[in-house]
Amino acid sequence: MEVKSMLRPEDVNHLLGKLARFTVYVPEYKGRTIYGAVAYLKASETAPLHAERQGLFVIRATGNSASIANAKQFHPQAFG
């Protein structure tokens, strides 16, 4: 999970790179289902949709809470 005050497409790409290498650095998770997520306060116009299209959960901070902003038909990408 990546948490940003301002989410940009390059932040999404950075997280995708981390997820691609995750089991190399944490081998005990190899063979397990791993999901990725980005959480943010503000975002560029394209970043949330880019994250969703890459299979990441998109979490938007709203007031004192947060909500998942993915479309209802969203299917997360399994990494690892």
Protein backbone atom coordinates (compact mmCIF):
# COMPACT_ATOMS: atom_id res chain seq x y z
CA MET A 1 0.00 0.00 0.00
CA GLU A 2 1.16 3.47 -0.86
CA VAL A 3 -0.29 6.46 1.03
CA LYS A 4 0.05 9.92 -0.48
CA SER A 5 -1.26 13.36 0.31
CA MET A 6 -1.11 14.05 -3.47
CA LEU A 7 -1.34 10.97 -5.69
CA ARG A 8 0.25 11.16 -9.15
CA PRO A 9 0.57 8.55 -11.92
CA GLU A 10 4.29 8.17 -11.21
CA ASP A 11 3.41 7.20 -7.61
CA VAL A 12 1.20 4.44 -8.98
CA ASN A 13 4.01 3.23 -11.26
CA HIS A 14 6.45 3.28 -8.34
CA LEU A 15 4.13 1.07 -6.28
CA LEU A 16 3.68 -1.33 -9.20
CA GLY A 17 7.46 -1.73 -9.34
CA LYS A 18 7.57 -2.47 -5.61
CA LEU A 19 4.80 -5.05 -5.93
CA ALA A 20 6.61 -6.77 -8.80
CA ARG A 21 9.66 -7.26 -6.55
CA PHE A 22 7.83 -7.84 -3.26
CA THR A 23 8.36 -11.60 -2.96
CA VAL A 24 12.06 -11.21 -3.76
CA TYR A 25 12.48 -9.13 -0.59
CA VAL A 26 9.84 -10.93 1.48
CA PRO A 27 10.06 -14.53 0.25
CA GLU A 28 7.71 -15.95 2.89
CA TYR A 29 4.85 -14.38 0.88
CA LYS A 30 5.78 -16.24 -2.32
CA GLY A 31 2.81 -18.25 -3.53
CA ARG A 32 0.31 -16.10 -1.63
CA THR A 33 -2.21 -13.72 -3.12
CA ILE A 34 -1.00 -10.14 -2.72
CA TYR A 35 -3.16 -7.12 -3.53
CA GLY A 36 -1.98 -3.54 -3.89
CA ALA A 37 -3.67 -0.31 -2.87
CA VAL A 38 -3.14 3.42 -3.06
CA ALA A 39 -4.65 5.82 -0.57
CA TYR A 40 -4.72 9.58 -0.99
CA LEU A 41 -6.11 12.92 0.14
CA LYS A 42 -5.85 14.62 -3.27
CA ALA A 43 -4.99 13.21 -6.69
CA SER A 44 -4.10 14.33 -10.16
CA GLU A 45 -6.91 13.97 -12.66
CA THR A 46 -5.61 10.69 -14.08
CA ALA A 47 -3.97 8.92 -11.13
CA PRO A 48 -7.01 7.16 -9.57
CA LEU A 49 -8.19 5.72 -12.89
CA HIS A 50 -4.62 4.69 -13.77
CA ALA A 51 -4.32 2.87 -10.44
CA GLU A 52 -7.65 1.10 -10.91
CA ARG A 53 -6.74 0.02 -14.45
CA GLN A 54 -3.54 -1.49 -13.07
CA GLY A 55 -5.58 -3.56 -10.61
CA LEU A 56 -4.95 -1.55 -7.46
CA PHE A 57 -7.51 -0.74 -4.82
CA VAL A 58 -8.04 3.03 -4.72
CA ILE A 59 -8.81 4.50 -1.30
CA ARG A 60 -9.81 8.13 -0.93
CA ALA A 61 -9.70 9.93 2.40
CA THR A 62 -13.02 11.59 3.11
CA GLY A 63 -13.31 13.73 6.24
CA ASN A 64 -12.53 11.57 9.27
CA SER A 65 -12.82 8.37 7.28
CA ALA A 66 -11.88 6.78 3.98
CA SER A 67 -13.71 4.93 1.24
CA ILE A 68 -12.80 2.59 -1.57
CA ALA A 69 -13.28 4.51 -4.81
CA ASN A 70 -13.07 1.63 -7.29
CA ALA A 71 -15.93 0.97 -9.71
CA LYS A 72 -18.38 -1.76 -8.70
CA GLN A 73 -17.16 -4.05 -11.50
CA PHE A 74 -13.50 -3.67 -10.39
CA HIS A 75 -11.44 -6.85 -10.11
CA PRO A 76 -8.12 -6.49 -8.26
CA GLN A 77 -4.87 -7.71 -9.79
CA ALA A 78 -3.07 -10.37 -7.77
CA PHE A 79 0.65 -9.69 -7.40
CA GLY A 80 3.36 -12.02 -6.22
